Amino acid sequence: MYHHMLIDAGGAARPVATADLASLLAGALDAGPTYGWRNPAPVTKGGLAGWQLRRVRAHVEAHLQGPIFTSTLAEVAQLSTGHFCRAFKASTGETPHGYVMRQRIRRAQQLMRDTTDTLSQIACACGMSDQAHLTRLFRRLVGTTPLAWRRAWQQAG
């Protein structure tokens, strides 16, 4: 019944059935150590191609100060809106809208750190309607208010 011997991490050999060996090898290839080999980037079934994701991210970064529509992002990726939304989530783990909101907050943090602009100015620069919008979104994603975050950053620096 046992056709192969498996050497475990401790160096001990133990018999393994052929079906077990196939299962162990499949698991080792999926999650095992690389032993210095570089694993190729994981392929996400149904996700965006690398060029599509790069173009969408660049578009978002370039247009954070204004409205960003999912339909426009789908055009950038050369996909229908529905297909784009599914592929984007498969590639990034979040919806296009969630990604854009997170990027707006990241930009707001950068501006709070690097400028003396008011929170109202920063909100507008990040494509938000007003300071209250910035505060609500910031608190939801970061866990504190923009003013408290900025003060903590200034005190730490």
C-alpha atoms as a PDB file:
ATOM      1  CA  MET A   1       0.000   0.000   0.000  1.00  0.00           C
ATOM      2  CA  TYR A   2       2.780   2.475   0.857  1.00  0.00           C
ATOM      3  CA  HIS A   3       4.789   3.308  -2.194  1.00  0.00           C
ATOM      4  CA  HIS A   4       6.820   6.304  -1.077  1.00  0.00           C
ATOM      5  CA  MET A   5       8.777   7.515   1.921  1.00  0.00           C
ATOM      6  CA  LEU A   6       8.389  11.081   3.166  1.00  0.00           C
ATOM      7  CA  ILE A   7      11.201  12.809   5.025  1.00  0.00           C
ATOM      8  CA  ASP A   8       9.696  15.185   7.602  1.00  0.00           C
ATOM      9  CA  ALA A   9      11.273  18.383   8.930  1.00  0.00           C
ATOM     10  CA  GLY A  10      13.076  16.444  11.656  1.00  0.00           C
ATOM     11  CA  GLY A  11      14.734  14.137   9.135  1.00  0.00           C
ATOM     12  CA  ALA A  12      12.654  11.065   9.996  1.00  0.00           C
ATOM     13  CA  ALA A  13      11.277   8.950   7.153  1.00  0.00           C
ATOM     14  CA  ARG A  14       7.709   7.720   7.232  1.00  0.00           C
ATOM     15  CA  PRO A  15       5.726   5.728   4.692  1.00  0.00           C
ATOM     16  CA  VAL A  16       3.148   7.613   2.635  1.00  0.00           C
ATOM     17  CA  ALA A  17       0.485   6.277   0.282  1.00  0.00           C
ATOM     18  CA  THR A  18       0.544   7.656  -3.270  1.00  0.00           C
ATOM     19  CA  ALA A  19      -2.722   9.577  -2.793  1.00  0.00           C
ATOM     20  CA  ASP A  20      -1.404  11.097   0.435  1.00  0.00           C
ATOM     21  CA  LEU A  21       1.827  12.102  -1.284  1.00  0.00           C
ATOM     22  CA  ALA A  22      -0.060  13.883  -4.060  1.00  0.00           C
ATOM     23  CA  SER A  23      -2.099  15.749  -1.467  1.00  0.00           C
ATOM     24  CA  LEU A  24       1.002  16.694   0.536  1.00  0.00           C
ATOM     25  CA  LEU A  25       2.819  17.919  -2.573  1.00  0.00           C
ATOM     26  CA  ALA A  26      -0.146  20.032  -3.648  1.00  0.00           C
ATOM     27  CA  GLY A  27      -0.279  21.617  -0.192  1.00  0.00           C
ATOM     28  CA  ALA A  28       3.471  22.199  -0.146  1.00  0.00           C
ATOM     29  CA  LEU A  29       3.360  23.900  -3.520  1.00  0.00           C
ATOM     30  CA  ASP A  30       0.494  26.140  -2.397  1.00  0.00           C
ATOM     31  CA  ALA A  31       1.751  27.197   1.026  1.00  0.00           C
ATOM     32  CA  GLY A  32       5.181  25.747   1.650  1.00  0.00           C
ATOM     33  CA  PRO A  33       8.511  27.466   2.097  1.00  0.00           C
ATOM     34  CA  THR A  34      10.179  28.852  -1.006  1.00  0.00           C
ATOM     35  CA  TYR A  35      13.746  27.730  -0.184  1.00  0.00           C
ATOM     36  CA  GLY A  36      15.062  30.850  -1.884  1.00  0.00           C
ATOM     37  CA  TRP A  37      12.916  30.439  -4.984  1.00  0.00           C
ATOM     38  CA  ARG A  38      10.724  33.326  -5.877  1.00  0.00           C
ATOM     39  CA  ASN A  39       7.074  32.400  -6.061  1.00  0.00           C
ATOM     40  CA  PRO A  40       5.252  33.950  -8.995  1.00  0.00           C
ATOM     41  CA  ALA A  41       2.601  36.537  -8.157  1.00  0.00           C
ATOM     42  CA  PRO A  42      -0.638  34.810  -7.225  1.00  0.00           C
ATOM     43  CA  VAL A  43      -3.137  34.654 -10.025  1.00  0.00           C
ATOM     44  CA  THR A  44      -6.558  35.835  -8.987  1.00  0.00           C
ATOM     45  CA  LYS A  45      -9.231  34.067 -10.938  1.00  0.00           C
ATOM     46  CA  GLY A  46     -11.544  36.646 -12.428  1.00  0.00           C
ATOM     47  CA  GLY A  47      -9.352  39.561 -11.326  1.00  0.00           C
ATOM     48  CA  LEU A  48      -7.891  42.445 -13.261  1.00  0.00           C
ATOM     49  CA  ALA A  49      -4.744  42.119 -15.328  1.00  0.00           C
ATOM     50  CA  GLY A  50      -1.722  43.943 -13.962  1.00  0.00           C
ATOM     51  CA  TRP A  51      -1.930  46.679 -16.580  1.00  0.00           C
ATOM     52  CA  GLN A  52      -5.602  47.262 -15.783  1.00  0.00           C
ATOM     53  CA  LEU A  53      -4.975  47.580 -12.061  1.00  0.00           C
ATOM     54  CA  ARG A  54      -2.031  49.947 -12.620  1.00  0.00           C
ATOM     55  CA  ARG A  55      -4.085  52.170 -14.932  1.00  0.00           C
ATOM     56  CA  VAL A  56      -7.049  52.271 -12.526  1.00  0.00           C
ATOM     57  CA  ARG A  57      -4.827  53.109  -9.555  1.00  0.00           C
ATOM     58  CA  ALA A  58      -3.048  55.836 -11.540  1.00  0.00           C
ATOM     59  CA  HIS A  59      -6.393  57.290 -12.622  1.00  0.00           C
ATOM     60  CA  VAL A  60      -7.664  57.364  -9.036  1.00  0.00           C
ATOM     61  CA  GLU A  61      -4.453  58.997  -7.811  1.00  0.00           C
ATOM     62  CA  ALA A  62      -4.620  61.668 -10.529  1.00  0.00           C
ATOM     63  CA  HIS A  63      -8.302  62.489  -9.919  1.00  0.00           C
ATOM     64  CA  LEU A  64      -8.735  62.336  -6.120  1.00  0.00           C
ATOM     65  CA  GLN A  65      -9.655  66.026  -5.951  1.00  0.00           C
ATOM     66  CA  GLY A  66     -12.882  65.474  -7.887  1.00  0.00           C
ATOM     67  CA  PRO A  67     -15.624  62.936  -8.416  1.00  0.00           C
ATOM     68  CA  ILE A  68     -14.518  59.475  -9.549  1.00  0.00           C
ATOM     69  CA  PHE A  69     -17.206  57.330 -11.115  1.00  0.00           C
ATOM     70  CA  THR A  70     -17.068  53.560 -11.246  1.00  0.00           C
ATOM     71  CA  SER A  71     -18.130  53.718 -14.881  1.00  0.00           C
ATOM     72  CA  THR A  72     -15.057  55.845 -15.650  1.00  0.00           C
ATOM     73  CA  LEU A  73     -12.784  53.380 -13.873  1.00  0.00           C
ATOM     74  CA  ALA A  74     -14.379  50.572 -15.893  1.00  0.00           C
ATOM     75  CA  GLU A  75     -13.585  52.493 -19.091  1.00  0.00           C
ATOM     76  CA  VAL A  76      -9.974  52.913 -17.957  1.00  0.00           C
ATOM     77  CA  ALA A  77      -9.798  49.125 -17.500  1.00  0.00           C
ATOM     78  CA  GLN A  78     -11.671  48.589 -20.798  1.00  0.00           C
ATOM     79  CA  LEU A  79     -14.395  46.510 -19.135  1.00  0.00           C
ATOM     80  CA  SER A  80     -18.114  46.785 -18.551  1.00  0.00           C
ATOM     81  CA  THR A  81     -18.993  48.347 -15.197  1.00  0.00           C
ATOM     82  CA  GLY A  82     -20.345  45.103 -13.730  1.00  0.00           C
ATOM     83  CA  HIS A  83     -17.384  43.034 -14.870  1.00  0.00           C
ATOM     84  CA  PHE A  84     -14.979  45.709 -13.637  1.00  0.00           C
ATOM     85  CA  CYS A  85     -16.528  45.809 -10.150  1.00  0.00           C
ATOM     86  CA  ARG A  86     -16.307  42.026  -9.778  1.00  0.00           C
ATOM     87  CA  ALA A  87     -12.751  41.876 -11.136  1.00  0.00           C
ATOM     88  CA  PHE A  88     -11.587  44.809  -9.015  1.00  0.00           C
ATOM     89  CA  LYS A  89     -12.916  43.202  -5.840  1.00  0.00           C
ATOM     90  CA  ALA A  90     -11.323  39.872  -6.799  1.00  0.00           C
ATOM     91  CA  SER A  91      -7.974  41.630  -7.292  1.00  0.00           C
ATOM     92  CA  THR A  92      -7.957  43.986  -4.313  1.00  0.00           C
ATOM     93  CA  GLY A  93     -10.431  42.546  -1.821  1.00  0.00           C
ATOM     94  CA  GLU A  94     -12.448  45.762  -1.761  1.00  0.00           C
ATOM     95  CA  THR A  95     -14.986  47.544  -3.901  1.00  0.00           C
ATOM     96  CA  PRO A  96     -13.891  50.360  -6.213  1.00  0.00           C
ATOM     97  CA  HIS A  97     -15.774  52.852  -4.021  1.00  0.00           C
ATOM     98  CA  GLY A  98     -14.084  51.557  -0.869  1.00  0.00           C
ATOM     99  CA  TYR A  99     -10.693  51.815  -2.554  1.00  0.00           C
ATOM    100  CA  VAL A 100     -11.329  55.396  -3.663  1.00  0.00           C
ATOM    101  CA  MET A 101     -12.465  56.409  -0.168  1.00  0.00           C
ATOM    102  CA  ARG A 102      -9.376  54.830   1.386  1.00  0.00           C
ATOM    103  CA  GLN A 103      -7.160  56.679  -1.100  1.00  0.00           C
ATOM    104  CA  ARG A 104      -8.900  59.970  -0.285  1.00  0.00           C
ATOM    105  CA  ILE A 105      -8.158  59.441   3.409  1.00  0.00           C
ATOM    106  CA  ARG A 106      -4.557  58.474   2.652  1.00  0.00           C
ATOM    107  CA  ARG A 107      -4.163  61.711   0.675  1.00  0.00           C
ATOM    108  CA  ALA A 108      -5.790  63.695   3.508  1.00  0.00           C
ATOM    109  CA  GLN A 109      -3.294  62.196   5.968  1.00  0.00           C
ATOM    110  CA  GLN A 110      -0.432  63.148   3.671  1.00  0.00           C
ATOM    111  CA  LEU A 111      -1.708  66.733   3.404  1.00  0.00           C
ATOM    112  CA  MET A 112      -2.292  66.990   7.160  1.00  0.00           C
ATOM    113  CA  ARG A 113       1.253  65.807   7.744  1.00  0.00           C
ATOM    114  CA  ASP A 114       2.988  67.887   5.057  1.00  0.00           C
ATOM    115  CA  THR A 115       1.022  71.157   4.917  1.00  0.00           C
ATOM    116  CA  THR A 116      -0.549  73.722   7.199  1.00  0.00           C
ATOM    117  CA  ASP A 117      -3.776  73.734   5.158  1.00  0.00           C
ATOM    118  CA  THR A 118      -7.003  73.794   7.123  1.00  0.00           C
ATOM    119  CA  LEU A 119      -9.059  70.629   7.349  1.00  0.00           C
ATOM    120  CA  SER A 120     -11.661  72.309   5.157  1.00  0.00           C
ATOM    121  CA  GLN A 121      -9.045  72.955   2.446  1.00  0.00           C
ATOM    122  CA  ILE A 122      -7.772  69.402   2.771  1.00  0.00           C
ATOM    123  CA  ALA A 123     -11.291  67.994   2.471  1.00  0.00           C
ATOM    124  CA  CYS A 124     -11.786  69.890  -0.801  1.00  0.00           C
ATOM    125  CA  ALA A 125      -8.354  68.839  -2.098  1.00  0.00           C
ATOM    126  CA  CYS A 126      -9.318  65.204  -1.480  1.00  0.00           C
ATOM    127  CA  GLY A 127     -12.652  65.378  -3.291  1.00  0.00           C
ATOM    128  CA  MET A 128     -14.890  65.571  -0.232  1.00  0.00           C
ATOM    129  CA  SER A 129     -17.798  67.963   0.014  1.00  0.00           C
ATOM    130  CA  ASP A 130     -16.747  69.570   3.291  1.00  0.00           C
ATOM    131  CA  GLN A 131     -14.853  69.138   6.545  1.00  0.00           C
ATOM    132  CA  ALA A 132     -17.744  67.216   8.119  1.00  0.00           C
ATOM    133  CA  HIS A 133     -17.587  64.659   5.301  1.00  0.00           C
ATOM    134  CA  LEU A 134     -13.839  64.291   5.858  1.00  0.00           C
ATOM    135  CA  THR A 135     -14.353  63.882   9.603  1.00  0.00           C
ATOM    136  CA  ARG A 136     -17.048  61.198   9.242  1.00  0.00           C
ATOM    137  CA  LEU A 137     -15.056  59.171   6.726  1.00  0.00           C
ATOM    138  CA  PHE A 138     -11.778  59.633   8.589  1.00  0.00           C
ATOM    139  CA  ARG A 139     -13.282  58.493  11.885  1.00  0.00           C
ATOM    140  CA  ARG A 140     -14.818  55.434  10.214  1.00  0.00           C
ATOM    141  CA  LEU A 141     -11.603  54.361   8.476  1.00  0.00           C
ATOM    142  CA  VAL A 142      -8.895  55.533  10.902  1.00  0.00           C
ATOM    143  CA  GLY A 143     -10.733  55.397  14.216  1.00  0.00           C
ATOM    144  CA  THR A 144     -10.138  58.991  15.292  1.00  0.00           C
ATOM    145  CA  THR A 145     -10.901  62.486  14.054  1.00  0.00           C
ATOM    146  CA  PRO A 146      -8.633  64.267  11.572  1.00  0.00           C
ATOM    147  CA  LEU A 147      -7.830  66.991  14.121  1.00  0.00           C
ATOM    148  CA  ALA A 148      -6.827  64.467  16.798  1.00  0.00           C
ATOM    149  CA  TRP A 149      -4.761  62.513  14.253  1.00  0.00           C
ATOM    150  CA  ARG A 150      -2.996  65.670  13.055  1.00  0.00           C
ATOM    151  CA  ARG A 151      -2.208  66.810  16.609  1.00  0.00           C
ATOM    152  CA  ALA A 152      -0.843  63.365  17.520  1.00  0.00           C
ATOM    153  CA  TRP A 153       1.295  63.362  14.368  1.00  0.00           C
ATOM    154  CA  GLN A 154       2.660  66.840  15.116  1.00  0.00           C
ATOM    155  CA  GLN A 155       3.482  65.901  18.718  1.00  0.00           C
ATOM    156  CA  ALA A 156       5.231  62.708  17.616  1.00  0.00           C
ATOM    157  CA  GLY A 157       7.311  64.568  15.021  1.00  0.00           C
END
